[in-house]
Amino acid sequence: EVVCWTRGTPLVLVDAPRRRERVTYL
């Protein structure tokens, strides 16, 4: 039924100049 599956990779929701200020979703 499934060809392949992996653990999710982070998606950037809100980008910011500093990495620690970014909002991500995993």
PDB file of all heavy atoms in Angstrom:
ATOM      1  N   GLU A   1       0.827  -1.213   0.000  1.00  0.00           N
ATOM      2  CA  GLU A   1       0.000   0.000   0.000  1.00  0.00           C
ATOM      3  C   GLU A   1       0.857   1.258   0.000  1.00  0.00           C
ATOM      4  O   GLU A   1       0.439   2.287  -0.525  1.00  0.00           O
ATOM      5  CB  GLU A   1      -0.896   0.046   1.238  1.00  0.00           C
ATOM      6  CG  GLU A   1      -2.008  -0.946   1.275  1.00  0.00           C
ATOM      7  CD  GLU A   1      -2.802  -0.816   2.562  1.00  0.00           C
ATOM      8  OE1 GLU A   1      -2.980   0.319   3.049  1.00  0.00           O
ATOM      9  OE2 GLU A   1      -3.236  -1.854   3.082  1.00  0.00           O
ATOM     10  N   VAL A   2       2.020   1.185   0.649  1.00  0.00           N
ATOM     11  CA  VAL A   2       2.922   2.320   0.790  1.00  0.00           C
ATOM     12  C   VAL A   2       4.237   1.979   0.112  1.00  0.00           C
ATOM     13  O   VAL A   2       4.795   0.907   0.334  1.00  0.00           O
ATOM     14  CB  VAL A   2       3.156   2.641   2.288  1.00  0.00           C
ATOM     15  CG1 VAL A   2       4.247   3.668   2.471  1.00  0.00           C
ATOM     16  CG2 VAL A   2       1.860   3.108   2.936  1.00  0.00           C
ATOM     17  N   VAL A   3       4.732   2.893  -0.738  1.00  0.00           N
ATOM     18  CA  VAL A   3       6.008   2.687  -1.411  1.00  0.00           C
ATOM     19  C   VAL A   3       7.147   2.918  -0.430  1.00  0.00           C
ATOM     20  O   VAL A   3       8.056   2.106  -0.313  1.00  0.00           O
ATOM     21  CB  VAL A   3       6.147   3.634  -2.627  1.00  0.00           C
ATOM     22  CG1 VAL A   3       7.528   3.520  -3.251  1.00  0.00           C
ATOM     23  CG2 VAL A   3       5.068   3.349  -3.647  1.00  0.00           C
ATOM     24  N   CYS A   4       7.096   4.051   0.285  1.00  0.00           N
ATOM     25  CA  CYS A   4       8.106   4.333   1.294  1.00  0.00           C
ATOM     26  C   CYS A   4       7.562   5.353   2.287  1.00  0.00           C
ATOM     27  O   CYS A   4       6.578   6.039   2.017  1.00  0.00           O
ATOM     28  CB  CYS A   4       9.406   4.842   0.671  1.00  0.00           C
ATOM     29  SG  CYS A   4       9.267   6.461  -0.079  1.00  0.00           S
ATOM     30  N   TRP A   5       8.216   5.429   3.447  1.00  0.00           N
ATOM     31  CA  TRP A   5       7.884   6.427   4.458  1.00  0.00           C
ATOM     32  C   TRP A   5       9.148   6.790   5.206  1.00  0.00           C
ATOM     33  O   TRP A   5      10.077   5.987   5.306  1.00  0.00           O
ATOM     34  CB  TRP A   5       6.781   5.943   5.407  1.00  0.00           C
ATOM     35  CG  TRP A   5       7.173   4.809   6.303  1.00  0.00           C
ATOM     36  CD1 TRP A   5       7.069   3.475   6.037  1.00  0.00           C
ATOM     37  CD2 TRP A   5       7.730   4.907   7.622  1.00  0.00           C
ATOM     38  NE1 TRP A   5       7.528   2.746   7.095  1.00  0.00           N
ATOM     39  CE2 TRP A   5       7.933   3.599   8.085  1.00  0.00           C
ATOM     40  CE3 TRP A   5       8.065   5.977   8.442  1.00  0.00           C
ATOM     41  CZ2 TRP A   5       8.466   3.330   9.338  1.00  0.00           C
ATOM     42  CZ3 TRP A   5       8.595   5.715   9.691  1.00  0.00           C
ATOM     43  CH2 TRP A   5       8.788   4.401  10.123  1.00  0.00           C
ATOM     44  N   THR A   6       9.189   8.020   5.681  1.00  0.00           N
ATOM     45  CA  THR A   6      10.336   8.496   6.444  1.00  0.00           C
ATOM     46  C   THR A   6       9.832   9.345   7.598  1.00  0.00           C
ATOM     47  O   THR A   6       8.664   9.731   7.639  1.00  0.00           O
ATOM     48  CB  THR A   6      11.284   9.371   5.591  1.00  0.00           C
ATOM     49  OG1 THR A   6      10.564  10.507   5.124  1.00  0.00           O
ATOM     50  CG2 THR A   6      11.846   8.596   4.429  1.00  0.00           C
ATOM     51  N   ARG A   7      10.733   9.641   8.508  1.00  0.00           N
ATOM     52  CA  ARG A   7      10.412  10.615   9.559  1.00  0.00           C
ATOM     53  C   ARG A   7      10.297  11.976   8.885  1.00  0.00           C
ATOM     54  O   ARG A   7      10.935  12.243   7.876  1.00  0.00           O
ATOM     55  CB  ARG A   7      11.513  10.654  10.609  1.00  0.00           C
ATOM     56  CG  ARG A   7      11.800   9.327  11.313  1.00  0.00           C
ATOM     57  CD  ARG A   7      10.700   8.858  12.249  1.00  0.00           C
ATOM     58  NE  ARG A   7      10.516   9.679  13.413  1.00  0.00           N
ATOM     59  CZ  ARG A   7      11.109   9.497  14.583  1.00  0.00           C
ATOM     60  NH1 ARG A   7      11.936   8.501  14.761  1.00  0.00           N
ATOM     61  NH2 ARG A   7      10.854  10.303  15.594  1.00  0.00           N
ATOM     62  N   GLY A   8       9.488  12.853   9.442  1.00  0.00           N
ATOM     63  CA  GLY A   8       9.265  14.166   8.844  1.00  0.00           C
ATOM     64  C   GLY A   8      10.491  15.054   8.887  1.00  0.00           C
ATOM     65  O   GLY A   8      11.368  14.904   9.732  1.00  0.00           O
ATOM     66  N   THR A   9      10.552  15.983   7.939  1.00  0.00           N
ATOM     67  CA  THR A   9      11.607  16.987   7.919  1.00  0.00           C
ATOM     68  C   THR A   9      10.985  18.350   8.239  1.00  0.00           C
ATOM     69  O   THR A   9       9.835  18.607   7.881  1.00  0.00           O
ATOM     70  CB  THR A   9      12.303  17.050   6.543  1.00  0.00           C
ATOM     71  OG1 THR A   9      11.315  17.279   5.539  1.00  0.00           O
ATOM     72  CG2 THR A   9      13.031  15.758   6.250  1.00  0.00           C
ATOM     73  N   PRO A  10      11.723  19.225   8.917  1.00  0.00           N
ATOM     74  CA  PRO A  10      11.147  20.505   9.334  1.00  0.00           C
ATOM     75  C   PRO A  10      10.748  21.390   8.157  1.00  0.00           C
ATOM     76  O   PRO A  10      11.427  21.440   7.138  1.00  0.00           O
ATOM     77  CB  PRO A  10      12.270  21.168  10.125  1.00  0.00           C
ATOM     78  CG  PRO A  10      13.234  20.096  10.448  1.00  0.00           C
ATOM     79  CD  PRO A  10      13.087  19.048   9.400  1.00  0.00           C
ATOM     80  N   LEU A  11       9.631  22.077   8.319  1.00  0.00           N
ATOM     81  CA  LEU A  11       9.157  23.064   7.353  1.00  0.00           C
ATOM     82  C   LEU A  11       9.208  24.432   8.027  1.00  0.00           C
ATOM     83  O   LEU A  11       8.758  24.580   9.167  1.00  0.00           O
ATOM     84  CB  LEU A  11       7.716  22.763   6.948  1.00  0.00           C
ATOM     85  CG  LEU A  11       7.458  21.435   6.256  1.00  0.00           C
ATOM     86  CD1 LEU A  11       5.970  21.167   6.191  1.00  0.00           C
ATOM     87  CD2 LEU A  11       8.052  21.457   4.867  1.00  0.00           C
ATOM     88  N   VAL A  12       9.738  25.420   7.329  1.00  0.00           N
ATOM     89  CA  VAL A  12       9.796  26.775   7.873  1.00  0.00           C
ATOM     90  C   VAL A  12       8.445  27.436   7.638  1.00  0.00           C
ATOM     91  O   VAL A  12       7.973  27.547   6.513  1.00  0.00           O
ATOM     92  CB  VAL A  12      10.927  27.595   7.218  1.00  0.00           C
ATOM     93  CG1 VAL A  12      10.908  29.030   7.715  1.00  0.00           C
ATOM     94  CG2 VAL A  12      12.274  26.954   7.498  1.00  0.00           C
ATOM     95  N   LEU A  13       7.809  27.859   8.717  1.00  0.00           N
ATOM     96  CA  LEU A  13       6.521  28.539   8.616  1.00  0.00           C
ATOM     97  C   LEU A  13       6.703  30.049   8.553  1.00  0.00           C
ATOM     98  O   LEU A  13       6.043  30.736   7.777  1.00  0.00           O
ATOM     99  CB  LEU A  13       5.630  28.170   9.803  1.00  0.00           C
ATOM    100  CG  LEU A  13       5.276  26.699   9.951  1.00  0.00           C
ATOM    101  CD1 LEU A  13       4.416  26.495  11.181  1.00  0.00           C
ATOM    102  CD2 LEU A  13       4.593  26.169   8.717  1.00  0.00           C
ATOM    103  N   VAL A  14       7.578  30.581   9.406  1.00  0.00           N
ATOM    104  CA  VAL A  14       7.874  32.011   9.427  1.00  0.00           C
ATOM    105  C   VAL A  14       9.388  32.159   9.438  1.00  0.00           C
ATOM    106  O   VAL A  14      10.038  31.724  10.382  1.00  0.00           O
ATOM    107  CB  VAL A  14       7.253  32.707  10.661  1.00  0.00           C
ATOM    108  CG1 VAL A  14       7.615  34.179  10.682  1.00  0.00           C
ATOM    109  CG2 VAL A  14       5.755  32.507  10.700  1.00  0.00           C
ATOM    110  N   ASP A  15       9.908  32.749   8.379  1.00  0.00           N
ATOM    111  CA  ASP A  15      11.352  32.934   8.290  1.00  0.00           C
ATOM    112  C   ASP A  15      11.754  34.192   9.052  1.00  0.00           C
ATOM    113  O   ASP A  15      10.968  35.115   9.197  1.00  0.00           O
ATOM    114  CB  ASP A  15      11.784  33.043   6.832  1.00  0.00           C
ATOM    115  CG  ASP A  15      13.212  32.578   6.626  1.00  0.00           C
ATOM    116  OD1 ASP A  15      13.852  32.182   7.607  1.00  0.00           O
ATOM    117  OD2 ASP A  15      13.677  32.602   5.471  1.00  0.00           O
ATOM    118  N   ALA A  16      12.964  34.188   9.556  1.00  0.00           N
ATOM    119  CA  ALA A  16      13.475  35.335  10.313  1.00  0.00           C
ATOM    120  C   ALA A  16      14.964  35.468  10.041  1.00  0.00           C
ATOM    121  O   ALA A  16      15.615  34.498   9.656  1.00  0.00           O
ATOM    122  CB  ALA A  16      13.216  35.133  11.800  1.00  0.00           C
ATOM    123  N   PRO A  17      15.522  36.674  10.230  1.00  0.00           N
ATOM    124  CA  PRO A  17      16.950  36.856   9.982  1.00  0.00           C
ATOM    125  C   PRO A  17      17.819  35.965  10.870  1.00  0.00           C
ATOM    126  O   PRO A  17      18.841  35.471  10.435  1.00  0.00           O
ATOM    127  CB  PRO A  17      17.205  38.328  10.295  1.00  0.00           C
ATOM    128  CG  PRO A  17      15.895  38.961  10.533  1.00  0.00           C
ATOM    129  CD  PRO A  17      14.865  37.895  10.646  1.00  0.00           C
ATOM    130  N   ARG A  18      17.389  35.744  12.096  1.00  0.00           N
ATOM    131  CA  ARG A  18      18.144  34.877  12.999  1.00  0.00           C
ATOM    132  C   ARG A  18      17.475  33.513  13.070  1.00  0.00           C
ATOM    133  O   ARG A  18      16.257  33.414  13.195  1.00  0.00           O
ATOM    134  CB  ARG A  18      18.198  35.488  14.399  1.00  0.00           C
ATOM    135  CG  ARG A  18      18.994  36.747  14.418  1.00  0.00           C
ATOM    136  CD  ARG A  18      19.219  37.199  15.842  1.00  0.00           C
ATOM    137  NE  ARG A  18      19.452  38.627  15.822  1.00  0.00           N
ATOM    138  CZ  ARG A  18      18.894  39.485  16.628  1.00  0.00           C
ATOM    139  NH1 ARG A  18      18.082  39.077  17.564  1.00  0.00           N
ATOM    140  NH2 ARG A  18      19.146  40.763  16.527  1.00  0.00           N
ATOM    141  N   ARG A  19      18.272  32.491  13.013  1.00  0.00           N
ATOM    142  CA  ARG A  19      17.741  31.134  12.968  1.00  0.00           C
ATOM    143  C   ARG A  19      16.873  30.798  14.174  1.00  0.00           C
ATOM    144  O   ARG A  19      15.849  30.144  14.062  1.00  0.00           O
ATOM    145  CB  ARG A  19      18.887  30.140  12.859  1.00  0.00           C
ATOM    146  CG  ARG A  19      18.417  28.761  12.472  1.00  0.00           C
ATOM    147  CD  ARG A  19      19.548  27.933  12.030  1.00  0.00           C
ATOM    148  NE  ARG A  19      19.764  26.897  13.030  1.00  0.00           N
ATOM    149  CZ  ARG A  19      20.736  26.042  12.982  1.00  0.00           C
ATOM    150  NH1 ARG A  19      21.622  26.110  12.033  1.00  0.00           N
ATOM    151  NH2 ARG A  19      20.857  25.129  13.909  1.00  0.00           N
ATOM    152  N   ARG A  20      17.250  31.261  15.340  1.00  0.00           N
ATOM    153  CA  ARG A  20      16.503  30.915  16.549  1.00  0.00           C
ATOM    154  C   ARG A  20      15.125  31.577  16.593  1.00  0.00           C
ATOM    155  O   ARG A  20      14.291  31.222  17.415  1.00  0.00           O
ATOM    156  CB  ARG A  20      17.300  31.259  17.796  1.00  0.00           C
ATOM    157  CG  ARG A  20      17.488  32.731  17.990  1.00  0.00           C
ATOM    158  CD  ARG A  20      18.213  33.016  19.274  1.00  0.00           C
ATOM    159  NE  ARG A  20      18.451  34.446  19.329  1.00  0.00           N
ATOM    160  CZ  ARG A  20      19.536  35.001  19.767  1.00  0.00           C
ATOM    161  NH1 ARG A  20      20.508  34.254  20.217  1.00  0.00           N
ATOM    162  NH2 ARG A  20      19.665  36.311  19.784  1.00  0.00           N
ATOM    163  N   GLU A  21      14.890  32.569  15.729  1.00  0.00           N
ATOM    164  CA  GLU A  21      13.605  33.254  15.705  1.00  0.00           C
ATOM    165  C   GLU A  21      12.642  32.661  14.679  1.00  0.00           C
ATOM    166  O   GLU A  21      11.499  33.083  14.600  1.00  0.00           O
ATOM    167  CB  GLU A  21      13.813  34.742  15.429  1.00  0.00           C
ATOM    168  CG  GLU A  21      14.573  35.436  16.539  1.00  0.00           C
ATOM    169  CD  GLU A  21      14.924  36.869  16.209  1.00  0.00           C
ATOM    170  OE1 GLU A  21      14.702  37.290  15.056  1.00  0.00           O
ATOM    171  OE2 GLU A  21      15.427  37.568  17.094  1.00  0.00           O
ATOM    172  N   ARG A  22      13.102  31.715  13.881  1.00  0.00           N
ATOM    173  CA  ARG A  22      12.241  31.080  12.898  1.00  0.00           C
ATOM    174  C   ARG A  22      11.177  30.237  13.581  1.00  0.00           C
ATOM    175  O   ARG A  22      11.396  29.652  14.630  1.00  0.00           O
ATOM    176  CB  ARG A  22      13.041  30.154  11.984  1.00  0.00           C
ATOM    177  CG  ARG A  22      13.898  30.852  11.013  1.00  0.00           C
ATOM    178  CD  ARG A  22      14.569  29.864  10.101  1.00  0.00           C
ATOM    179  NE  ARG A  22      15.532  30.571   9.290  1.00  0.00           N
ATOM    180  CZ  ARG A  22      16.654  30.063   8.855  1.00  0.00           C
ATOM    181  NH1 ARG A  22      16.964  28.817   9.136  1.00  0.00           N
ATOM    182  NH2 ARG A  22      17.476  30.782   8.138  1.00  0.00           N
ATOM    183  N   VAL A  23      10.024  30.166  12.939  1.00  0.00           N
ATOM    184  CA  VAL A  23       8.961  29.290  13.418  1.00  0.00           C
ATOM    185  C   VAL A  23       8.914  28.114  12.454  1.00  0.00           C
ATOM    186  O   VAL A  23       8.761  28.295  11.237  1.00  0.00           O
ATOM    187  CB  VAL A  23       7.600  30.012  13.448  1.00  0.00           C
ATOM    188  CG1 VAL A  23       6.508  29.055  13.887  1.00  0.00           C
ATOM    189  CG2 VAL A  23       7.662  31.221  14.362  1.00  0.00           C
ATOM    190  N   THR A  24       9.075  26.913  12.992  1.00  0.00           N
ATOM    191  CA  THR A  24       9.080  25.723  12.148  1.00  0.00           C
ATOM    192  C   THR A  24       8.017  24.741  12.615  1.00  0.00           C
ATOM    193  O   THR A  24       7.495  24.832  13.725  1.00  0.00           O
ATOM    194  CB  THR A  24      10.451  25.013  12.176  1.00  0.00           C
ATOM    195  OG1 THR A  24      10.738  24.625  13.519  1.00  0.00           O
ATOM    196  CG2 THR A  24      11.549  25.910  11.641  1.00  0.00           C
ATOM    197  N   TYR A  25       7.723  23.795  11.736  1.00  0.00           N
ATOM    198  CA  TYR A  25       6.791  22.715  12.050  1.00  0.00           C
ATOM    199  C   TYR A  25       7.458  21.417  11.631  1.00  0.00           C
ATOM    200  O   TYR A  25       7.998  21.311  10.528  1.00  0.00           O
ATOM    201  CB  TYR A  25       5.466  22.909  11.304  1.00  0.00           C
ATOM    202  CG  TYR A  25       4.614  21.682  11.308  1.00  0.00           C
ATOM    203  CD1 TYR A  25       4.056  21.218  12.490  1.00  0.00           C
ATOM    204  CD2 TYR A  25       4.380  20.969  10.147  1.00  0.00           C
ATOM    205  CE1 TYR A  25       3.284  20.073  12.505  1.00  0.00           C
ATOM    206  CE2 TYR A  25       3.607  19.826  10.153  1.00  0.00           C
ATOM    207  CZ  TYR A  25       3.070  19.384  11.329  1.00  0.00           C
ATOM    208  OH  TYR A  25       2.318  18.248  11.336  1.00  0.00           O
ATOM    209  N   LEU A  26       7.419  20.425  12.500  1.00  0.00           N
ATOM    210  CA  LEU A  26       8.020  19.127  12.214  1.00  0.00           C
ATOM    211  C   LEU A  26       6.929  18.067  12.201  1.00  0.00           C
ATOM    212  O   LEU A  26       6.433  17.663  13.263  1.00  0.00           O
ATOM    213  CB  LEU A  26       9.073  18.778  13.273  1.00  0.00           C
ATOM    214  CG  LEU A  26       9.773  17.436  13.109  1.00  0.00           C
ATOM    215  CD1 LEU A  26      10.579  17.401  11.815  1.00  0.00           C
ATOM    216  CD2 LEU A  26      10.680  17.176  14.293  1.00  0.00           C
TER     217      LEU A  26
END
